[in-house]
Amino acid sequence: MRIVNNYTSISFTCNYIHKNTHRNSSSRIHTYKSHYCINRGQTRQYSSFGPYLAGLIEGDGHIAVQDLDTKKVVHRPKIIIAFNKHDKPLAEKLSTKLNVGKVIDRSETGHVLLQILAKNEVLKIINLINGHMRTPKIEALHRAINWINKKDNSSIACLGLDTSPLNSNAWLAGFSDADGCFSITTYDRKKNGVFLRTSVQTYFRIEVKQDYSREVALEQGGSSFFPIMSEISHFLTVNLYTRTRKTKDKVFYAFAVVAHNSRSHEILHEYFSKFPLYSSKFLAYKDWCRVVELTKLRNGKAITLEEIKEVEAIKSQFNSKRITFDFSHLDSLL
């Protein structure tokens, strides 16, 4: 990994990106006139949920839009959100509460899909997330809106990137449910080959590819994920890293934010207490918080044998090792 920036400085290349994609709230379009038939009262009921849904879709969603000038059979825009197979209860809850789409179980491949195809249901989701997106995937949303405006003779406004502070809404919670990961590691510290003590480290990580798959206009924020990842790193007061991964003949480039210290942990705890996670990562987060608390209480002193046993017990059913899932936290969703 290579550090791109800390929260006080960035490189020349990154300055160039920011200069051309500056997030100025004054550039956001505020007049939003929609002309389609959905239950407006119901949509207003869910409006505060829009940022979470936008973050979730920007992380693990796909907005499919056919070319306007296609000669093939016309298909309307559709929205598909992928979930880990263990998060089927969340997919079903979203489908039921929002009254959209259907859940397709593909557990044999490790995931389930929430597929939204119906005209009014797609429009409902667009209405919820429009104005709340923060990544280059806004290009797909605007492409869908432009398609609908032309085909339906409507005038839905393409709202710009959300420039509000990250801690002002649930966008980061949705994005974390999609692309975030909690981790706990234990290791033995030695000096000159002599065991000193067992140490515990806790991390929260978000990693995304560096560039969007299509060209994105500068007024839409550009095609790089640097601006939003830099914003997240600034919010958590940690460094932003680049990562290069080679698989056979392909090379993948990513940005990564890693919350690894007490200050970033406190920021996360404060944020997720206000804007909770809803996927099974909420269960990982609760266990992670317990380990963070244990290490914090030690105040730099060596962790005790009993505490090590508790941490190891947590790790034994953490993340991919978890076999029991309690989704009662979904009762607070919508």
C-alpha atoms as a PDB file:
ATOM      1  CA  MET A   1       0.000   0.000   0.000  1.00  0.00           C
ATOM      2  CA  ARG A   2       1.007   3.582  -0.544  1.00  0.00           C
ATOM      3  CA  ILE A   3      -0.256   6.573   1.408  1.00  0.00           C
ATOM      4  CA  VAL A   4      -1.971   9.032  -0.909  1.00  0.00           C
ATOM      5  CA  ASN A   5      -2.566  11.679   1.679  1.00  0.00           C
ATOM      6  CA  ASN A   6      -3.149  12.334   5.315  1.00  0.00           C
ATOM      7  CA  TYR A   7      -5.923  14.581   6.433  1.00  0.00           C
ATOM      8  CA  THR A   8      -3.836  17.725   6.142  1.00  0.00           C
ATOM      9  CA  SER A   9      -2.190  17.355   2.728  1.00  0.00           C
ATOM     10  CA  ILE A  10      -2.703  15.758  -0.671  1.00  0.00           C
ATOM     11  CA  SER A  11      -0.516  15.234  -3.698  1.00  0.00           C
ATOM     12  CA  PHE A  12      -0.393  17.421  -6.806  1.00  0.00           C
ATOM     13  CA  THR A  13      -2.365  14.886  -8.858  1.00  0.00           C
ATOM     14  CA  CYS A  14      -5.083  14.742  -6.239  1.00  0.00           C
ATOM     15  CA  ASN A  15      -5.203  18.516  -6.029  1.00  0.00           C
ATOM     16  CA  TYR A  16      -5.884  18.540  -9.756  1.00  0.00           C
ATOM     17  CA  ILE A  17      -8.838  16.211  -9.258  1.00  0.00           C
ATOM     18  CA  HIS A  18     -10.234  18.356  -6.476  1.00  0.00           C
ATOM     19  CA  LYS A  19      -9.729  21.547  -8.420  1.00  0.00           C
ATOM     20  CA  ASN A  20     -11.880  20.288 -11.245  1.00  0.00           C
ATOM     21  CA  THR A  21     -14.430  18.443  -9.152  1.00  0.00           C
ATOM     22  CA  HIS A  22     -14.830  20.811  -6.239  1.00  0.00           C
ATOM     23  CA  ARG A  23     -17.932  19.989  -4.254  1.00  0.00           C
ATOM     24  CA  ASN A  24     -19.702  23.290  -3.973  1.00  0.00           C
ATOM     25  CA  SER A  25     -23.183  23.087  -2.577  1.00  0.00           C
ATOM     26  CA  SER A  26     -24.188  26.153  -4.582  1.00  0.00           C
ATOM     27  CA  SER A  27     -23.869  24.104  -7.773  1.00  0.00           C
ATOM     28  CA  ARG A  28     -26.549  21.696  -6.655  1.00  0.00           C
ATOM     29  CA  ILE A  29     -29.905  22.010  -8.380  1.00  0.00           C
ATOM     30  CA  HIS A  30     -32.632  22.757  -5.868  1.00  0.00           C
ATOM     31  CA  THR A  31     -35.715  22.862  -8.074  1.00  0.00           C
ATOM     32  CA  TYR A  32     -36.990  19.341  -8.339  1.00  0.00           C
ATOM     33  CA  LYS A  33     -40.182  18.781 -10.280  1.00  0.00           C
ATOM     34  CA  SER A  34     -41.267  15.228 -10.812  1.00  0.00           C
ATOM     35  CA  HIS A  35     -44.030  14.150 -13.110  1.00  0.00           C
ATOM     36  CA  TYR A  36     -44.757  10.519 -12.471  1.00  0.00           C
ATOM     37  CA  CYS A  37     -47.423   8.586 -10.662  1.00  0.00           C
ATOM     38  CA  ILE A  38     -46.276   7.290  -7.301  1.00  0.00           C
ATOM     39  CA  ASN A  39     -47.540   7.745  -3.794  1.00  0.00           C
ATOM     40  CA  ARG A  40     -45.907  11.051  -2.880  1.00  0.00           C
ATOM     41  CA  GLY A  41     -46.928  10.816   0.757  1.00  0.00           C
ATOM     42  CA  GLN A  42     -45.301   7.401   1.047  1.00  0.00           C
ATOM     43  CA  THR A  43     -42.131   8.669  -0.606  1.00  0.00           C
ATOM     44  CA  ARG A  44     -41.898  11.568   1.855  1.00  0.00           C
ATOM     45  CA  GLN A  45     -42.256   9.028   4.669  1.00  0.00           C
ATOM     46  CA  TYR A  46     -39.079   7.317   3.450  1.00  0.00           C
ATOM     47  CA  SER A  47     -37.185  10.469   2.439  1.00  0.00           C
ATOM     48  CA  SER A  48     -34.824  10.374   5.426  1.00  0.00           C
ATOM     49  CA  PHE A  49     -33.863   6.855   4.323  1.00  0.00           C
ATOM     50  CA  GLY A  50     -32.664   8.155   0.952  1.00  0.00           C
ATOM     51  CA  PRO A  51     -29.009   8.749   1.939  1.00  0.00           C
ATOM     52  CA  TYR A  52     -28.633   5.218   3.344  1.00  0.00           C
ATOM     53  CA  LEU A  53     -30.155   3.725   0.208  1.00  0.00           C
ATOM     54  CA  ALA A  54     -27.944   5.896  -2.004  1.00  0.00           C
ATOM     55  CA  GLY A  55     -24.814   4.718  -0.173  1.00  0.00           C
ATOM     56  CA  LEU A  56     -25.913   1.091  -0.395  1.00  0.00           C
ATOM     57  CA  ILE A  57     -26.573   1.346  -4.139  1.00  0.00           C
ATOM     58  CA  GLU A  58     -23.314   3.222  -4.775  1.00  0.00           C
ATOM     59  CA  GLY A  59     -21.491   0.400  -3.037  1.00  0.00           C
ATOM     60  CA  ASP A  60     -23.259  -2.781  -4.156  1.00  0.00           C
ATOM     61  CA  GLY A  61     -25.936  -1.604  -6.580  1.00  0.00           C
ATOM     62  CA  HIS A  62     -26.217  -1.418 -10.334  1.00  0.00           C
ATOM     63  CA  ILE A  63     -28.377   1.000 -12.316  1.00  0.00           C
ATOM     64  CA  ALA A  64     -28.833  -0.532 -15.773  1.00  0.00           C
ATOM     65  CA  VAL A  65     -29.813   1.857 -18.558  1.00  0.00           C
ATOM     66  CA  GLN A  66     -30.280   0.965 -22.215  1.00  0.00           C
ATOM     67  CA  ASP A  67     -28.895   3.283 -24.892  1.00  0.00           C
ATOM     68  CA  LEU A  68     -31.520   5.743 -26.035  1.00  0.00           C
ATOM     69  CA  ASP A  69     -30.830   5.065 -29.701  1.00  0.00           C
ATOM     70  CA  THR A  70     -30.799   1.269 -29.458  1.00  0.00           C
ATOM     71  CA  LYS A  71     -32.383  -0.731 -32.270  1.00  0.00           C
ATOM     72  CA  LYS A  72     -33.125  -3.629 -29.944  1.00  0.00           C
ATOM     73  CA  VAL A  73     -36.236  -4.310 -27.901  1.00  0.00           C
ATOM     74  CA  VAL A  74     -36.668  -1.388 -25.503  1.00  0.00           C
ATOM     75  CA  HIS A  75     -36.107  -2.125 -21.827  1.00  0.00           C
ATOM     76  CA  ARG A  76     -36.722   0.452 -19.119  1.00  0.00           C
ATOM     77  CA  PRO A  77     -33.997   1.288 -16.555  1.00  0.00           C
ATOM     78  CA  LYS A  78     -33.682  -1.191 -13.719  1.00  0.00           C
ATOM     79  CA  ILE A  79     -31.948  -1.216 -10.350  1.00  0.00           C
ATOM     80  CA  ILE A  80     -30.271  -4.280  -8.868  1.00  0.00           C
ATOM     81  CA  ILE A  81     -28.697  -4.426  -5.401  1.00  0.00           C
ATOM     82  CA  ALA A  82     -26.450  -7.360  -4.463  1.00  0.00           C
ATOM     83  CA  PHE A  83     -26.249  -8.689  -0.903  1.00  0.00           C
ATOM     84  CA  ASN A  84     -24.197 -11.351   0.813  1.00  0.00           C
ATOM     85  CA  LYS A  85     -26.283 -14.519   1.090  1.00  0.00           C
ATOM     86  CA  HIS A  86     -26.486 -14.023   4.870  1.00  0.00           C
ATOM     87  CA  ASP A  87     -28.118 -10.629   4.332  1.00  0.00           C
ATOM     88  CA  LYS A  88     -31.224 -12.013   2.673  1.00  0.00           C
ATOM     89  CA  PRO A  89     -33.357 -10.718   5.624  1.00  0.00           C
ATOM     90  CA  LEU A  90     -32.193  -7.168   4.838  1.00  0.00           C
ATOM     91  CA  ALA A  91     -32.994  -7.553   1.135  1.00  0.00           C
ATOM     92  CA  GLU A  92     -36.454  -8.887   2.008  1.00  0.00           C
ATOM     93  CA  LYS A  93     -37.047  -6.119   4.529  1.00  0.00           C
ATOM     94  CA  LEU A  94     -36.150  -3.421   2.005  1.00  0.00           C
ATOM     95  CA  SER A  95     -38.370  -5.019  -0.620  1.00  0.00           C
ATOM     96  CA  THR A  96     -41.303  -5.247   1.782  1.00  0.00           C
ATOM     97  CA  LYS A  97     -40.972  -1.876   3.477  1.00  0.00           C
ATOM     98  CA  LEU A  98     -40.345   0.058   0.274  1.00  0.00           C
ATOM     99  CA  ASN A  99     -42.804  -2.133  -1.636  1.00  0.00           C
ATOM    100  CA  VAL A 100     -40.386  -2.567  -4.529  1.00  0.00           C
ATOM    101  CA  GLY A 101     -38.838  -5.395  -6.503  1.00  0.00           C
ATOM    102  CA  LYS A 102     -38.343  -9.027  -5.693  1.00  0.00           C
ATOM    103  CA  VAL A 103     -35.555 -10.911  -3.950  1.00  0.00           C
ATOM    104  CA  ILE A 104     -33.716 -13.478  -6.041  1.00  0.00           C
ATOM    105  CA  ASP A 105     -31.910 -16.107  -3.985  1.00  0.00           C
ATOM    106  CA  ARG A 106     -28.568 -17.131  -5.436  1.00  0.00           C
ATOM    107  CA  SER A 107     -27.119 -18.530  -2.238  1.00  0.00           C
ATOM    108  CA  GLU A 108     -25.228 -21.180  -4.187  1.00  0.00           C
ATOM    109  CA  THR A 109     -23.062 -18.360  -5.562  1.00  0.00           C
ATOM    110  CA  GLY A 110     -22.850 -16.578  -2.220  1.00  0.00           C
ATOM    111  CA  HIS A 111     -25.302 -13.747  -2.758  1.00  0.00           C
ATOM    112  CA  VAL A 112     -28.910 -12.639  -3.174  1.00  0.00           C
ATOM    113  CA  LEU A 113     -30.266  -9.873  -5.391  1.00  0.00           C
ATOM    114  CA  LEU A 114     -32.959  -7.270  -4.913  1.00  0.00           C
ATOM    115  CA  GLN A 115     -34.152  -6.706  -8.470  1.00  0.00           C
ATOM    116  CA  ILE A 116     -36.311  -3.641  -9.168  1.00  0.00           C
ATOM    117  CA  LEU A 117     -37.844  -3.549 -12.647  1.00  0.00           C
ATOM    118  CA  ALA A 118     -41.347  -2.052 -12.514  1.00  0.00           C
ATOM    119  CA  LYS A 119     -41.609   1.520 -13.809  1.00  0.00           C
ATOM    120  CA  ASN A 120     -43.119   3.100 -10.715  1.00  0.00           C
ATOM    121  CA  GLU A 121     -40.839   1.156  -8.384  1.00  0.00           C
ATOM    122  CA  VAL A 122     -37.708   2.296 -10.202  1.00  0.00           C
ATOM    123  CA  LEU A 123     -39.031   5.860 -10.116  1.00  0.00           C
ATOM    124  CA  LYS A 124     -39.630   5.546  -6.391  1.00  0.00           C
ATOM    125  CA  ILE A 125     -36.002   4.556  -5.774  1.00  0.00           C
ATOM    126  CA  ILE A 126     -34.747   7.321  -8.075  1.00  0.00           C
ATOM    127  CA  ASN A 127     -36.841   9.834  -6.151  1.00  0.00           C
ATOM    128  CA  LEU A 128     -35.353   8.592  -2.874  1.00  0.00           C
ATOM    129  CA  ILE A 129     -31.681   8.643  -3.862  1.00  0.00           C
ATOM    130  CA  ASN A 130     -31.629  11.635  -6.224  1.00  0.00           C
ATOM    131  CA  GLY A 131     -29.556  14.359  -4.557  1.00  0.00           C
ATOM    132  CA  HIS A 132     -27.987  11.965  -2.039  1.00  0.00           C
ATOM    133  CA  MET A 133     -25.292  10.325  -4.152  1.00  0.00           C
ATOM    134  CA  ARG A 134     -21.612  11.059  -3.492  1.00  0.00           C
ATOM    135  CA  THR A 135     -19.642   8.904  -5.974  1.00  0.00           C
ATOM    136  CA  PRO A 136     -19.122   8.702  -9.759  1.00  0.00           C
ATOM    137  CA  LYS A 137     -22.050   6.274  -9.906  1.00  0.00           C
ATOM    138  CA  ILE A 138     -24.204   9.401 -10.076  1.00  0.00           C
ATOM    139  CA  GLU A 139     -23.515   9.155 -13.815  1.00  0.00           C
ATOM    140  CA  ALA A 140     -25.710   6.033 -14.027  1.00  0.00           C
ATOM    141  CA  LEU A 141     -28.481   7.716 -12.056  1.00  0.00           C
ATOM    142  CA  HIS A 142     -28.448  10.742 -14.353  1.00  0.00           C
ATOM    143  CA  ARG A 143     -28.394   8.483 -17.396  1.00  0.00           C
ATOM    144  CA  ALA A 144     -31.500   6.703 -16.067  1.00  0.00           C
ATOM    145  CA  ILE A 145     -33.247  10.013 -15.377  1.00  0.00           C
ATOM    146  CA  ASN A 146     -32.435  11.337 -18.850  1.00  0.00           C
ATOM    147  CA  TRP A 147     -33.750   8.111 -20.408  1.00  0.00           C
ATOM    148  CA  ILE A 148     -36.996   8.387 -18.439  1.00  0.00           C
ATOM    149  CA  ASN A 149     -37.391  12.086 -19.226  1.00  0.00           C
ATOM    150  CA  LYS A 150     -37.071  11.447 -22.946  1.00  0.00           C
ATOM    151  CA  LYS A 151     -39.191   8.302 -23.156  1.00  0.00           C
ATOM    152  CA  ASP A 152     -41.913   9.472 -20.739  1.00  0.00           C
ATOM    153  CA  ASN A 153     -41.829  13.168 -21.642  1.00  0.00           C
ATOM    154  CA  SER A 154     -41.155  13.992 -17.979  1.00  0.00           C
ATOM    155  CA  SER A 155     -38.843  16.549 -16.388  1.00  0.00           C
ATOM    156  CA  ILE A 156     -37.120  14.950 -13.414  1.00  0.00           C
ATOM    157  CA  ALA A 157     -34.144  17.082 -12.382  1.00  0.00           C
ATOM    158  CA  CYS A 158     -30.694  15.504 -12.217  1.00  0.00           C
ATOM    159  CA  LEU A 159     -29.619  16.633  -8.765  1.00  0.00           C
ATOM    160  CA  GLY A 160     -25.896  16.996  -8.085  1.00  0.00           C
ATOM    161  CA  LEU A 161     -23.610  15.304  -5.591  1.00  0.00           C
ATOM    162  CA  ASP A 162     -24.531  15.542  -1.924  1.00  0.00           C
ATOM    163  CA  THR A 163     -22.001  17.965  -0.411  1.00  0.00           C
ATOM    164  CA  SER A 164     -23.332  17.873   3.152  1.00  0.00           C
ATOM    165  CA  PRO A 165     -20.979  16.662   5.929  1.00  0.00           C
ATOM    166  CA  LEU A 166     -20.671  12.874   6.113  1.00  0.00           C
ATOM    167  CA  ASN A 167     -21.955  12.854   9.669  1.00  0.00           C
ATOM    168  CA  SER A 168     -25.168  14.666   8.687  1.00  0.00           C
ATOM    169  CA  ASN A 169     -26.968  11.639   7.231  1.00  0.00           C
ATOM    170  CA  ALA A 170     -26.886   7.854   6.811  1.00  0.00           C
ATOM    171  CA  TRP A 171     -25.033   7.710   3.462  1.00  0.00           C
ATOM    172  CA  LEU A 172     -21.814   6.373   5.005  1.00  0.00           C
ATOM    173  CA  ALA A 173     -23.798   3.682   6.856  1.00  0.00           C
ATOM    174  CA  GLY A 174     -25.236   2.436   3.566  1.00  0.00           C
ATOM    175  CA  PHE A 175     -21.848   2.595   1.852  1.00  0.00           C
ATOM    176  CA  SER A 176     -20.266   0.738   4.791  1.00  0.00           C
ATOM    177  CA  ASP A 177     -22.934  -1.971   4.671  1.00  0.00           C
ATOM    178  CA  ALA A 178     -21.856  -2.450   1.063  1.00  0.00           C
ATOM    179  CA  ASP A 179     -18.068  -1.965   1.115  1.00  0.00           C
ATOM    180  CA  GLY A 180     -17.010  -1.723   4.759  1.00  0.00           C
ATOM    181  CA  CYS A 181     -15.259  -4.446   6.766  1.00  0.00           C
ATOM    182  CA  PHE A 182     -14.469  -4.823  10.472  1.00  0.00           C
ATOM    183  CA  SER A 183     -11.448  -6.867  11.525  1.00  0.00           C
ATOM    184  CA  ILE A 184      -9.829  -8.085  14.720  1.00  0.00           C
ATOM    185  CA  THR A 185      -6.270  -9.432  14.855  1.00  0.00           C
ATOM    186  CA  THR A 186      -4.169 -10.848  17.663  1.00  0.00           C
ATOM    187  CA  TYR A 187      -0.423 -11.311  17.547  1.00  0.00           C
ATOM    188  CA  ASP A 188       2.422 -12.109  19.906  1.00  0.00           C
ATOM    189  CA  ARG A 189       4.935  -9.355  20.522  1.00  0.00           C
ATOM    190  CA  LYS A 190       8.510 -10.536  20.929  1.00  0.00           C
ATOM    191  CA  LYS A 191      11.893  -8.996  21.611  1.00  0.00           C
ATOM    192  CA  ASN A 192      15.023 -10.864  20.634  1.00  0.00           C
ATOM    193  CA  GLY A 193      12.870 -13.931  20.149  1.00  0.00           C
ATOM    194  CA  VAL A 194      11.443 -13.716  23.667  1.00  0.00           C
ATOM    195  CA  PHE A 195       7.654 -13.510  24.052  1.00  0.00           C
ATOM    196  CA  LEU A 196       6.530 -10.277  25.711  1.00  0.00           C
ATOM    197  CA  ARG A 197       2.755 -10.207  25.433  1.00  0.00           C
ATOM    198  CA  THR A 198      -0.217 -10.788  23.161  1.00  0.00           C
ATOM    199  CA  SER A 199      -1.540  -7.656  21.496  1.00  0.00           C
ATOM    200  CA  VAL A 200      -4.911  -6.998  19.879  1.00  0.00           C
ATOM    201  CA  GLN A 201      -5.611  -4.681  16.958  1.00  0.00           C
ATOM    202  CA  THR A 202      -8.971  -3.575  15.603  1.00  0.00           C
ATOM    203  CA  TYR A 203      -9.605  -2.076  12.169  1.00  0.00           C
ATOM    204  CA  PHE A 204     -12.431  -0.785  10.035  1.00  0.00           C
ATOM    205  CA  ARG A 205     -11.706  -0.678   6.347  1.00  0.00           C
ATOM    206  CA  ILE A 206     -13.392   0.599   3.188  1.00  0.00           C
ATOM    207  CA  GLU A 207     -11.779  -0.257  -0.137  1.00  0.00           C
ATOM    208  CA  VAL A 208     -13.079   0.660  -3.602  1.00  0.00           C
ATOM    209  CA  LYS A 209     -11.688   0.700  -7.114  1.00  0.00           C
ATOM    210  CA  GLN A 210      -9.945   3.920  -8.112  1.00  0.00           C
ATOM    211  CA  ASP A 211     -11.985   4.758 -11.198  1.00  0.00           C
ATOM    212  CA  TYR A 212     -15.550   4.361 -12.399  1.00  0.00           C
ATOM    213  CA  SER A 213     -16.089   2.261 -15.522  1.00  0.00           C
ATOM    214  CA  ARG A 214     -17.433   5.157 -17.637  1.00  0.00           C
ATOM    215  CA  GLU A 215     -16.458   8.721 -18.362  1.00  0.00           C
ATOM    216  CA  VAL A 216     -18.095  11.085 -15.885  1.00  0.00           C
ATOM    217  CA  ALA A 217     -18.517  14.796 -16.565  1.00  0.00           C
ATOM    218  CA  LEU A 218     -16.670  17.174 -14.273  1.00  0.00           C
ATOM    219  CA  GLU A 219     -19.954  18.744 -13.207  1.00  0.00           C
ATOM    220  CA  GLN A 220     -20.962  15.267 -12.013  1.00  0.00           C
ATOM    221  CA  GLY A 221     -17.760  14.983  -9.984  1.00  0.00           C
ATOM    222  CA  GLY A 222     -15.468  13.174 -12.421  1.00  0.00           C
ATOM    223  CA  SER A 223     -14.742   9.455 -12.763  1.00  0.00           C
ATOM    224  CA  SER A 224     -12.284   9.041  -9.867  1.00  0.00           C
ATOM    225  CA  PHE A 225     -13.316   7.765  -6.450  1.00  0.00           C
ATOM    226  CA  PHE A 226     -10.547   9.860  -4.918  1.00  0.00           C
ATOM    227  CA  PRO A 227     -12.781  12.776  -3.815  1.00  0.00           C
ATOM    228  CA  ILE A 228     -15.206  10.651  -1.780  1.00  0.00           C
ATOM    229  CA  MET A 229     -12.499   8.369  -0.374  1.00  0.00           C
ATOM    230  CA  SER A 230     -10.450  11.404   0.578  1.00  0.00           C
ATOM    231  CA  GLU A 231     -13.521  12.861   2.272  1.00  0.00           C
ATOM    232  CA  ILE A 232     -14.034   9.644   4.250  1.00  0.00           C
ATOM    233  CA  SER A 233     -10.374   9.589   5.304  1.00  0.00           C
ATOM    234  CA  HIS A 234     -10.627  13.210   6.428  1.00  0.00           C
ATOM    235  CA  PHE A 235     -13.781  12.433   8.372  1.00  0.00           C
ATOM    236  CA  LEU A 236     -12.052   9.586  10.192  1.00  0.00           C
ATOM    237  CA  THR A 237      -8.785  11.555  10.523  1.00  0.00           C
ATOM    238  CA  VAL A 238      -6.731   8.760   8.949  1.00  0.00           C
ATOM    239  CA  ASN A 239      -4.588   8.303   5.839  1.00  0.00           C
ATOM    240  CA  LEU A 240      -5.884   7.379   2.413  1.00  0.00           C
ATOM    241  CA  TYR A 241      -3.975   4.502   0.787  1.00  0.00           C
ATOM    242  CA  THR A 242      -3.664   3.147  -2.736  1.00  0.00           C
ATOM    243  CA  ARG A 243      -3.482  -0.577  -3.335  1.00  0.00           C
ATOM    244  CA  THR A 244      -2.375  -2.531  -6.388  1.00  0.00           C
ATOM    245  CA  ARG A 245      -3.467  -6.140  -6.752  1.00  0.00           C
ATOM    246  CA  LYS A 246      -2.440  -8.482  -9.551  1.00  0.00           C
ATOM    247  CA  THR A 247      -4.534 -11.486 -10.572  1.00  0.00           C
ATOM    248  CA  LYS A 248      -3.115 -13.498 -13.460  1.00  0.00           C
ATOM    249  CA  ASP A 249      -2.842 -11.000 -16.307  1.00  0.00           C
ATOM    250  CA  LYS A 250      -5.017  -8.298 -14.715  1.00  0.00           C
ATOM    251  CA  VAL A 251      -4.034  -5.445 -12.418  1.00  0.00           C
ATOM    252  CA  PHE A 252      -6.560  -3.836 -10.058  1.00  0.00           C
ATOM    253  CA  TYR A 253      -6.100  -0.417  -8.490  1.00  0.00           C
ATOM    254  CA  ALA A 254      -7.982   0.623  -5.377  1.00  0.00           C
ATOM    255  CA  PHE A 255      -8.272   3.316  -2.733  1.00  0.00           C
ATOM    256  CA  ALA A 256      -8.467   2.186   0.896  1.00  0.00           C
ATOM    257  CA  VAL A 257      -9.360   3.929   4.137  1.00  0.00           C
ATOM    258  CA  VAL A 258      -8.364   2.137   7.337  1.00  0.00           C
ATOM    259  CA  ALA A 259      -9.590   3.304  10.748  1.00  0.00           C
ATOM    260  CA  HIS A 260      -6.977   1.876  13.081  1.00  0.00           C
ATOM    261  CA  ASN A 261      -6.578   4.225  16.037  1.00  0.00           C
ATOM    262  CA  SER A 262      -8.628   5.287  19.030  1.00  0.00           C
ATOM    263  CA  ARG A 263      -9.685   8.625  17.516  1.00  0.00           C
ATOM    264  CA  SER A 264     -11.073   7.033  14.339  1.00  0.00           C
ATOM    265  CA  HIS A 265     -12.772   4.348  16.438  1.00  0.00           C
ATOM    266  CA  GLU A 266     -14.498   7.010  18.516  1.00  0.00           C
ATOM    267  CA  ILE A 267     -15.695   8.791  15.379  1.00  0.00           C
ATOM    268  CA  LEU A 268     -17.087   5.534  13.996  1.00  0.00           C
ATOM    269  CA  HIS A 269     -18.827   4.689  17.253  1.00  0.00           C
ATOM    270  CA  GLU A 270     -20.448   8.108  17.415  1.00  0.00           C
ATOM    271  CA  TYR A 271     -21.538   7.914  13.780  1.00  0.00           C
ATOM    272  CA  PHE A 272     -22.911   4.355  13.805  1.00  0.00           C
ATOM    273  CA  SER A 273     -24.754   5.072  17.056  1.00  0.00           C
ATOM    274  CA  LYS A 274     -26.633   7.795  15.185  1.00  0.00           C
ATOM    275  CA  PHE A 275     -26.860   6.100  11.787  1.00  0.00           C
ATOM    276  CA  PRO A 276     -26.818   2.318  12.313  1.00  0.00           C
ATOM    277  CA  LEU A 277     -25.769  -0.463  10.002  1.00  0.00           C
ATOM    278  CA  TYR A 278     -28.513  -2.851   8.889  1.00  0.00           C
ATOM    279  CA  SER A 279     -26.679  -5.746   7.261  1.00  0.00           C
ATOM    280  CA  SER A 280     -25.052  -8.593   9.166  1.00  0.00           C
ATOM    281  CA  LYS A 281     -22.093  -6.233   9.522  1.00  0.00           C
ATOM    282  CA  PHE A 282     -24.048  -4.732  12.405  1.00  0.00           C
ATOM    283  CA  LEU A 283     -23.377  -7.977  14.299  1.00  0.00           C
ATOM    284  CA  ALA A 284     -19.671  -7.768  13.447  1.00  0.00           C
ATOM    285  CA  TYR A 285     -19.692  -4.135  14.535  1.00  0.00           C
ATOM    286  CA  LYS A 286     -21.125  -5.016  17.970  1.00  0.00           C
ATOM    287  CA  ASP A 287     -18.424  -7.653  18.534  1.00  0.00           C
ATOM    288  CA  TRP A 288     -15.774  -5.282  17.211  1.00  0.00           C
ATOM    289  CA  CYS A 289     -16.920  -2.595  19.663  1.00  0.00           C
ATOM    290  CA  ARG A 290     -16.560  -5.040  22.550  1.00  0.00           C
ATOM    291  CA  VAL A 291     -12.936  -5.745  21.600  1.00  0.00           C
ATOM    292  CA  VAL A 292     -12.260  -2.019  21.114  1.00  0.00           C
ATOM    293  CA  GLU A 293     -13.646  -1.453  24.614  1.00  0.00           C
ATOM    294  CA  LEU A 294     -11.424  -4.162  26.092  1.00  0.00           C
ATOM    295  CA  THR A 295      -8.264  -2.684  24.593  1.00  0.00           C
ATOM    296  CA  LYS A 296      -9.312   0.831  25.583  1.00  0.00           C
ATOM    297  CA  LEU A 297      -9.824  -0.217  29.200  1.00  0.00           C
ATOM    298  CA  ARG A 298      -6.299  -1.639  29.299  1.00  0.00           C
ATOM    299  CA  ASN A 299      -4.974   1.867  28.575  1.00  0.00           C
ATOM    300  CA  GLY A 300      -1.790   0.538  26.962  1.00  0.00           C
ATOM    301  CA  LYS A 301      -1.239  -2.232  29.501  1.00  0.00           C
ATOM    302  CA  ALA A 302      -0.941  -5.879  28.509  1.00  0.00           C
ATOM    303  CA  ILE A 303      -4.260  -7.616  27.926  1.00  0.00           C
ATOM    304  CA  THR A 304      -5.025 -10.339  30.480  1.00  0.00           C
ATOM    305  CA  LEU A 305      -5.327 -14.047  29.757  1.00  0.00           C
ATOM    306  CA  GLU A 306      -9.071 -13.947  30.415  1.00  0.00           C
ATOM    307  CA  GLU A 307      -9.487 -11.044  28.020  1.00  0.00           C
ATOM    308  CA  ILE A 308      -7.457 -12.877  25.366  1.00  0.00           C
ATOM    309  CA  LYS A 309      -9.808 -15.841  25.730  1.00  0.00           C
ATOM    310  CA  GLU A 310     -12.812 -13.533  25.272  1.00  0.00           C
ATOM    311  CA  VAL A 311     -11.271 -11.973  22.152  1.00  0.00           C
ATOM    312  CA  GLU A 312     -10.482 -15.395  20.692  1.00  0.00           C
ATOM    313  CA  ALA A 313     -14.059 -16.518  21.403  1.00  0.00           C
ATOM    314  CA  ILE A 314     -15.344 -13.456  19.518  1.00  0.00           C
ATOM    315  CA  LYS A 315     -12.975 -14.111  16.613  1.00  0.00           C
ATOM    316  CA  SER A 316     -14.157 -17.717  16.386  1.00  0.00           C
ATOM    317  CA  GLN A 317     -17.578 -16.529  15.176  1.00  0.00           C
ATOM    318  CA  PHE A 318     -16.594 -13.266  13.544  1.00  0.00           C
ATOM    319  CA  ASN A 319     -17.326 -12.247   9.938  1.00  0.00           C
ATOM    320  CA  SER A 320     -17.188 -15.325   7.655  1.00  0.00           C
ATOM    321  CA  LYS A 321     -17.002 -17.649  10.677  1.00  0.00           C
ATOM    322  CA  ARG A 322     -20.394 -16.535  11.992  1.00  0.00           C
ATOM    323  CA  ILE A 323     -23.055 -19.235  11.801  1.00  0.00           C
ATOM    324  CA  THR A 324     -25.797 -17.681  13.957  1.00  0.00           C
ATOM    325  CA  PHE A 325     -27.484 -14.468  12.799  1.00  0.00           C
ATOM    326  CA  ASP A 326     -29.902 -12.320  14.768  1.00  0.00           C
ATOM    327  CA  PHE A 327     -31.558  -9.686  12.595  1.00  0.00           C
ATOM    328  CA  SER A 328     -33.765  -8.176  15.292  1.00  0.00           C
ATOM    329  CA  HIS A 329     -31.986  -4.876  14.626  1.00  0.00           C
ATOM    330  CA  LEU A 330     -33.998  -4.671  11.394  1.00  0.00           C
ATOM    331  CA  ASP A 331     -37.066  -3.879  13.495  1.00  0.00           C
ATOM    332  CA  SER A 332     -35.890  -0.264  13.541  1.00  0.00           C
ATOM    333  CA  LEU A 333     -35.551  -0.079   9.751  1.00  0.00           C
ATOM    334  CA  LEU A 334     -38.136   2.316   8.282  1.00  0.00           C
END
